Amino acid sequence: MDGIGLALGLVLIFLPLLIGAALIIAWIFAIDELIKAAQMKGHHKGSTASLWFIGIFATPIILGLCIAALPDRGELAEAKLSDQNLPDDLPAI
């Protein structure tokens, strides 16, 4: 019985540590993917320190909301704007 109690004690100690480590790793991967999304939208091409700061201290959910609110300045958005022929004239009233 003493061996079972020791094993249970070790599981109760190491299981929360393993879960915590897995959550931190998932947190970092989520921040990295969101930063890649911001770069694909045409923002933060150089330094991404501010995005890492927001992601680490304000959670990846807040970072995702900030990135979702950014306008699309990427190459695809420029191609779409150049394909459209927008009239410069105002309609007659």
C-alpha atoms as a PDB file:
ATOM      1  CA  MET A   1       0.000   0.000   0.000  1.00  0.00           C
ATOM      2  CA  ASP A   2       2.896   2.346   0.617  1.00  0.00           C
ATOM      3  CA  GLY A   3       3.999   2.163  -3.052  1.00  0.00           C
ATOM      4  CA  ILE A   4       0.523   3.057  -4.300  1.00  0.00           C
ATOM      5  CA  GLY A   5       0.348   6.087  -2.008  1.00  0.00           C
ATOM      6  CA  LEU A   6       3.757   7.264  -3.196  1.00  0.00           C
ATOM      7  CA  ALA A   7       2.779   6.856  -6.855  1.00  0.00           C
ATOM      8  CA  LEU A   8      -0.465   8.734  -6.275  1.00  0.00           C
ATOM      9  CA  GLY A   9       1.436  11.541  -4.559  1.00  0.00           C
ATOM     10  CA  LEU A  10       3.854  11.819  -7.478  1.00  0.00           C
ATOM     11  CA  VAL A  11       0.970  11.917  -9.955  1.00  0.00           C
ATOM     12  CA  LEU A  12      -0.743  14.653  -7.968  1.00  0.00           C
ATOM     13  CA  ILE A  13       2.470  16.690  -7.963  1.00  0.00           C
ATOM     14  CA  PHE A  14       3.628  16.214 -11.547  1.00  0.00           C
ATOM     15  CA  LEU A  15       0.282  16.199 -13.373  1.00  0.00           C
ATOM     16  CA  PRO A  16      -0.477  19.890 -12.700  1.00  0.00           C
ATOM     17  CA  LEU A  17       3.094  20.772 -13.700  1.00  0.00           C
ATOM     18  CA  LEU A  18       2.754  18.894 -16.984  1.00  0.00           C
ATOM     19  CA  ILE A  19      -0.621  20.488 -17.712  1.00  0.00           C
ATOM     20  CA  GLY A  20       0.809  23.934 -16.917  1.00  0.00           C
ATOM     21  CA  ALA A  21       3.783  23.355 -19.218  1.00  0.00           C
ATOM     22  CA  ALA A  22       1.462  22.209 -22.028  1.00  0.00           C
ATOM     23  CA  LEU A  23      -0.678  25.340 -21.593  1.00  0.00           C
ATOM     24  CA  ILE A  24       2.355  27.638 -21.741  1.00  0.00           C
ATOM     25  CA  ILE A  25       3.585  25.917 -24.914  1.00  0.00           C
ATOM     26  CA  ALA A  26       0.123  26.210 -26.503  1.00  0.00           C
ATOM     27  CA  TRP A  27      -0.012  29.894 -25.441  1.00  0.00           C
ATOM     28  CA  ILE A  28       3.311  30.615 -27.192  1.00  0.00           C
ATOM     29  CA  PHE A  29       2.288  28.759 -30.375  1.00  0.00           C
ATOM     30  CA  ALA A  30      -1.010  30.677 -30.462  1.00  0.00           C
ATOM     31  CA  ILE A  31       0.825  34.000 -30.161  1.00  0.00           C
ATOM     32  CA  ASP A  32       3.200  32.986 -32.949  1.00  0.00           C
ATOM     33  CA  GLU A  33       0.332  32.062 -35.299  1.00  0.00           C
ATOM     34  CA  LEU A  34      -1.478  35.327 -34.573  1.00  0.00           C
ATOM     35  CA  ILE A  35       1.685  37.311 -35.305  1.00  0.00           C
ATOM     36  CA  LYS A  36       1.993  35.484 -38.624  1.00  0.00           C
ATOM     37  CA  ALA A  37      -1.616  36.493 -39.371  1.00  0.00           C
ATOM     38  CA  ALA A  38      -0.790  40.144 -38.629  1.00  0.00           C
ATOM     39  CA  GLN A  39       2.186  39.970 -40.962  1.00  0.00           C
ATOM     40  CA  MET A  40       0.040  38.432 -43.691  1.00  0.00           C
ATOM     41  CA  LYS A  41      -2.353  41.376 -43.302  1.00  0.00           C
ATOM     42  CA  GLY A  42       0.570  43.701 -44.023  1.00  0.00           C
ATOM     43  CA  HIS A  43       1.310  44.921 -40.484  1.00  0.00           C
ATOM     44  CA  HIS A  44       4.360  44.548 -38.237  1.00  0.00           C
ATOM     45  CA  LYS A  45       6.776  43.450 -40.935  1.00  0.00           C
ATOM     46  CA  GLY A  46       9.812  44.516 -38.910  1.00  0.00           C
ATOM     47  CA  SER A  47       9.569  44.305 -35.143  1.00  0.00           C
ATOM     48  CA  THR A  48       6.923  42.157 -33.502  1.00  0.00           C
ATOM     49  CA  ALA A  49       7.905  42.958 -29.913  1.00  0.00           C
ATOM     50  CA  SER A  50       4.699  44.876 -29.197  1.00  0.00           C
ATOM     51  CA  LEU A  51       2.571  41.954 -30.376  1.00  0.00           C
ATOM     52  CA  TRP A  52       4.539  39.514 -28.218  1.00  0.00           C
ATOM     53  CA  PHE A  53       4.077  41.847 -25.243  1.00  0.00           C
ATOM     54  CA  ILE A  54       0.320  42.011 -25.780  1.00  0.00           C
ATOM     55  CA  GLY A  55       0.081  38.261 -26.336  1.00  0.00           C
ATOM     56  CA  ILE A  56       2.057  37.332 -23.229  1.00  0.00           C
ATOM     57  CA  PHE A  57       0.602  39.817 -20.772  1.00  0.00           C
ATOM     58  CA  ALA A  58      -2.931  40.283 -22.128  1.00  0.00           C
ATOM     59  CA  THR A  59      -3.599  36.713 -23.412  1.00  0.00           C
ATOM     60  CA  PRO A  60      -3.714  35.520 -27.024  1.00  0.00           C
ATOM     61  CA  ILE A  61      -7.466  36.176 -27.102  1.00  0.00           C
ATOM     62  CA  ILE A  62      -6.897  39.939 -26.774  1.00  0.00           C
ATOM     63  CA  LEU A  63      -4.102  39.735 -29.355  1.00  0.00           C
ATOM     64  CA  GLY A  64      -6.449  37.916 -31.733  1.00  0.00           C
ATOM     65  CA  LEU A  65      -9.091  40.617 -31.328  1.00  0.00           C
ATOM     66  CA  CYS A  66      -6.511  43.335 -31.999  1.00  0.00           C
ATOM     67  CA  ILE A  67      -5.265  41.573 -35.120  1.00  0.00           C
ATOM     68  CA  ALA A  68      -8.793  40.926 -36.364  1.00  0.00           C
ATOM     69  CA  ALA A  69      -9.459  44.676 -36.136  1.00  0.00           C
ATOM     70  CA  LEU A  70      -6.433  45.573 -38.285  1.00  0.00           C
ATOM     71  CA  PRO A  71      -7.238  46.592 -41.866  1.00  0.00           C
ATOM     72  CA  ASP A  72      -5.885  44.399 -44.632  1.00  0.00           C
ATOM     73  CA  ARG A  73      -2.829  46.105 -46.146  1.00  0.00           C
ATOM     74  CA  GLY A  74      -1.349  42.938 -47.593  1.00  0.00           C
ATOM     75  CA  GLU A  75      -0.504  42.150 -51.203  1.00  0.00           C
ATOM     76  CA  LEU A  76      -3.923  40.609 -51.835  1.00  0.00           C
ATOM     77  CA  ALA A  77      -5.710  43.778 -50.730  1.00  0.00           C
ATOM     78  CA  GLU A  78      -3.542  45.892 -53.040  1.00  0.00           C
ATOM     79  CA  ALA A  79      -4.299  43.557 -55.952  1.00  0.00           C
ATOM     80  CA  LYS A  80      -8.036  43.782 -55.263  1.00  0.00           C
ATOM     81  CA  LEU A  81      -7.954  47.584 -55.167  1.00  0.00           C
ATOM     82  CA  SER A  82      -6.011  47.809 -58.413  1.00  0.00           C
ATOM     83  CA  ASP A  83      -8.513  45.502 -60.165  1.00  0.00           C
ATOM     84  CA  GLN A  84     -11.473  47.697 -59.281  1.00  0.00           C
ATOM     85  CA  ASN A  85     -12.323  50.682 -61.448  1.00  0.00           C
ATOM     86  CA  LEU A  86     -13.772  53.172 -59.016  1.00  0.00           C
ATOM     87  CA  PRO A  87     -15.526  56.176 -60.572  1.00  0.00           C
ATOM     88  CA  ASP A  88     -14.355  59.561 -59.328  1.00  0.00           C
ATOM     89  CA  ASP A  89     -17.571  61.354 -60.254  1.00  0.00           C
ATOM     90  CA  LEU A  90     -20.303  62.045 -57.745  1.00  0.00           C
ATOM     91  CA  PRO A  91     -23.840  61.067 -58.707  1.00  0.00           C
ATOM     92  CA  ALA A  92     -26.209  63.809 -59.798  1.00  0.00           C
ATOM     93  CA  ILE A  93     -28.896  64.752 -57.336  1.00  0.00           C
END
